[in-house]
Amino acid sequence: MAETDDLINNETADRGSEGLHNDIASQRATISRIVGKLEGKIHDTMDWKKCFSEHPYAAIGVAVGTGFVASMLLKKKPRQKLAYTVIDRAQRFVHRLL
């Protein structure tokens, strides 16, 4: 009788550990699926090439604005002279094109 009780207890313990292993495997699969979805969302959000291809004029505007601000900050000339310099250079560029 004791042997039968031990056998029943061992089978229950084995089923319990199998159930635990199945639960762990299920949770791992769920976590992997969620992480995969998050990676996709992050990649789509941070994909600058896609953003530029969807909004090319906005991208050009941002680039021009950034360049202008950087040139304003990096030049050592006073702002008024810088404005005239920019206008003068633009006029020279247009004259070269014509």
C-alpha atoms as a PDB file:
ATOM      1  CA  MET A   1       0.000   0.000   0.000  1.00  0.00           C
ATOM      2  CA  ALA A   2       2.829   2.408   0.791  1.00  0.00           C
ATOM      3  CA  GLU A   3       4.376   1.657  -2.570  1.00  0.00           C
ATOM      4  CA  THR A   4       1.094   2.555  -4.301  1.00  0.00           C
ATOM      5  CA  ASP A   5       0.889   5.852  -2.380  1.00  0.00           C
ATOM      6  CA  ASP A   6       4.498   6.666  -3.315  1.00  0.00           C
ATOM      7  CA  LEU A   7       3.775   5.840  -6.969  1.00  0.00           C
ATOM      8  CA  ILE A   8       0.663   8.073  -6.965  1.00  0.00           C
ATOM      9  CA  ASN A   9       2.561  10.917  -5.276  1.00  0.00           C
ATOM     10  CA  ASN A  10       5.433  10.622  -7.790  1.00  0.00           C
ATOM     11  CA  GLU A  11       2.998  10.661 -10.751  1.00  0.00           C
ATOM     12  CA  THR A  12       1.287  13.751  -9.310  1.00  0.00           C
ATOM     13  CA  ALA A  13       4.646  15.430  -8.806  1.00  0.00           C
ATOM     14  CA  ASP A  14       5.668  14.531 -12.362  1.00  0.00           C
ATOM     15  CA  ARG A  15       2.418  15.914 -13.754  1.00  0.00           C
ATOM     16  CA  GLY A  16       2.909  19.031 -11.632  1.00  0.00           C
ATOM     17  CA  SER A  17       6.423  19.562 -12.937  1.00  0.00           C
ATOM     18  CA  GLU A  18       5.278  18.897 -16.505  1.00  0.00           C
ATOM     19  CA  GLY A  19       2.502  21.425 -16.025  1.00  0.00           C
ATOM     20  CA  LEU A  20       5.025  23.882 -14.632  1.00  0.00           C
ATOM     21  CA  HIS A  21       7.333  23.318 -17.605  1.00  0.00           C
ATOM     22  CA  ASN A  22       4.384  23.788 -19.972  1.00  0.00           C
ATOM     23  CA  ASP A  23       3.418  27.024 -18.197  1.00  0.00           C
ATOM     24  CA  ILE A  24       6.991  28.304 -18.433  1.00  0.00           C
ATOM     25  CA  ALA A  25       7.169  27.425 -22.126  1.00  0.00           C
ATOM     26  CA  SER A  26       3.839  29.156 -22.713  1.00  0.00           C
ATOM     27  CA  GLN A  27       5.014  32.278 -20.880  1.00  0.00           C
ATOM     28  CA  ARG A  28       8.282  32.297 -22.856  1.00  0.00           C
ATOM     29  CA  ALA A  29       6.356  32.122 -26.116  1.00  0.00           C
ATOM     30  CA  THR A  30       4.071  34.959 -25.011  1.00  0.00           C
ATOM     31  CA  ILE A  31       7.022  37.121 -23.949  1.00  0.00           C
ATOM     32  CA  SER A  32       8.854  36.401 -27.207  1.00  0.00           C
ATOM     33  CA  ARG A  33       5.784  37.390 -29.203  1.00  0.00           C
ATOM     34  CA  ILE A  34       5.365  40.637 -27.245  1.00  0.00           C
ATOM     35  CA  VAL A  35       9.065  41.502 -27.582  1.00  0.00           C
ATOM     36  CA  GLY A  36       8.857  40.852 -31.319  1.00  0.00           C
ATOM     37  CA  LYS A  37       5.901  43.213 -31.657  1.00  0.00           C
ATOM     38  CA  LEU A  38       7.698  45.894 -29.619  1.00  0.00           C
ATOM     39  CA  GLU A  39      10.831  45.550 -31.754  1.00  0.00           C
ATOM     40  CA  GLY A  40       8.719  46.050 -34.858  1.00  0.00           C
ATOM     41  CA  LYS A  41       7.018  49.146 -33.450  1.00  0.00           C
ATOM     42  CA  ILE A  42      10.322  50.640 -32.298  1.00  0.00           C
ATOM     43  CA  HIS A  43      11.910  49.925 -35.671  1.00  0.00           C
ATOM     44  CA  ASP A  44       8.997  51.563 -37.509  1.00  0.00           C
ATOM     45  CA  THR A  45       9.119  54.579 -35.209  1.00  0.00           C
ATOM     46  CA  MET A  46      12.865  55.072 -35.462  1.00  0.00           C
ATOM     47  CA  ASP A  47      13.155  54.349 -39.201  1.00  0.00           C
ATOM     48  CA  TRP A  48      14.308  57.730 -40.545  1.00  0.00           C
ATOM     49  CA  LYS A  49      14.459  56.467 -44.125  1.00  0.00           C
ATOM     50  CA  LYS A  50      10.769  55.615 -44.051  1.00  0.00           C
ATOM     51  CA  CYS A  51       9.949  58.986 -42.482  1.00  0.00           C
ATOM     52  CA  PHE A  52      11.916  60.844 -45.160  1.00  0.00           C
ATOM     53  CA  SER A  53      10.327  58.848 -47.956  1.00  0.00           C
ATOM     54  CA  GLU A  54       6.835  59.558 -46.612  1.00  0.00           C
ATOM     55  CA  HIS A  55       7.495  63.283 -45.976  1.00  0.00           C
ATOM     56  CA  PRO A  56      10.282  64.419 -48.328  1.00  0.00           C
ATOM     57  CA  TYR A  57       9.466  68.140 -48.292  1.00  0.00           C
ATOM     58  CA  ALA A  58       9.335  68.266 -44.515  1.00  0.00           C
ATOM     59  CA  ALA A  59      12.686  66.469 -44.377  1.00  0.00           C
ATOM     60  CA  ILE A  60      14.225  68.991 -46.768  1.00  0.00           C
ATOM     61  CA  GLY A  61      12.778  71.840 -44.712  1.00  0.00           C
ATOM     62  CA  VAL A  62      14.226  70.429 -41.515  1.00  0.00           C
ATOM     63  CA  ALA A  63      17.625  69.974 -43.167  1.00  0.00           C
ATOM     64  CA  VAL A  64      17.655  73.525 -44.543  1.00  0.00           C
ATOM     65  CA  GLY A  65      16.509  74.990 -41.237  1.00  0.00           C
ATOM     66  CA  THR A  66      19.098  73.023 -39.299  1.00  0.00           C
ATOM     67  CA  GLY A  67      21.840  74.122 -41.682  1.00  0.00           C
ATOM     68  CA  PHE A  68      20.796  77.752 -41.439  1.00  0.00           C
ATOM     69  CA  VAL A  69      20.702  77.697 -37.629  1.00  0.00           C
ATOM     70  CA  ALA A  70      24.062  75.907 -37.498  1.00  0.00           C
ATOM     71  CA  SER A  71      25.605  78.494 -39.815  1.00  0.00           C
ATOM     72  CA  MET A  72      24.215  81.287 -37.662  1.00  0.00           C
ATOM     73  CA  LEU A  73      25.679  79.755 -34.538  1.00  0.00           C
ATOM     74  CA  LEU A  74      29.065  78.883 -36.002  1.00  0.00           C
ATOM     75  CA  LYS A  75      29.791  82.172 -37.749  1.00  0.00           C
ATOM     76  CA  LYS A  76      31.729  84.761 -35.789  1.00  0.00           C
ATOM     77  CA  LYS A  77      30.248  87.685 -37.706  1.00  0.00           C
ATOM     78  CA  PRO A  78      27.491  89.850 -36.267  1.00  0.00           C
ATOM     79  CA  ARG A  79      24.008  88.764 -37.274  1.00  0.00           C
ATOM     80  CA  GLN A  80      23.309  91.757 -39.511  1.00  0.00           C
ATOM     81  CA  LYS A  81      26.476  91.179 -41.497  1.00  0.00           C
ATOM     82  CA  LEU A  82      25.679  87.478 -41.631  1.00  0.00           C
ATOM     83  CA  ALA A  83      22.286  88.191 -43.177  1.00  0.00           C
ATOM     84  CA  TYR A  84      23.901  90.352 -45.856  1.00  0.00           C
ATOM     85  CA  THR A  85      26.537  87.683 -46.434  1.00  0.00           C
ATOM     86  CA  VAL A  86      23.873  85.021 -46.913  1.00  0.00           C
ATOM     87  CA  ILE A  87      21.944  87.267 -49.322  1.00  0.00           C
ATOM     88  CA  ASP A  88      25.126  88.129 -51.201  1.00  0.00           C
ATOM     89  CA  ARG A  89      26.105  84.473 -51.549  1.00  0.00           C
ATOM     90  CA  ALA A  90      22.589  83.559 -52.701  1.00  0.00           C
ATOM     91  CA  GLN A  91      22.705  86.296 -55.334  1.00  0.00           C
ATOM     92  CA  ARG A  92      26.102  85.096 -56.573  1.00  0.00           C
ATOM     93  CA  PHE A  93      24.777  81.541 -56.776  1.00  0.00           C
ATOM     94  CA  VAL A  94      21.750  82.656 -58.794  1.00  0.00           C
ATOM     95  CA  HIS A  95      23.956  84.690 -61.153  1.00  0.00           C
ATOM     96  CA  ARG A  96      26.184  81.648 -61.722  1.00  0.00           C
ATOM     97  CA  LEU A  97      23.141  79.595 -62.633  1.00  0.00           C
ATOM     98  CA  LEU A  98      21.940  82.146 -65.142  1.00  0.00           C
END
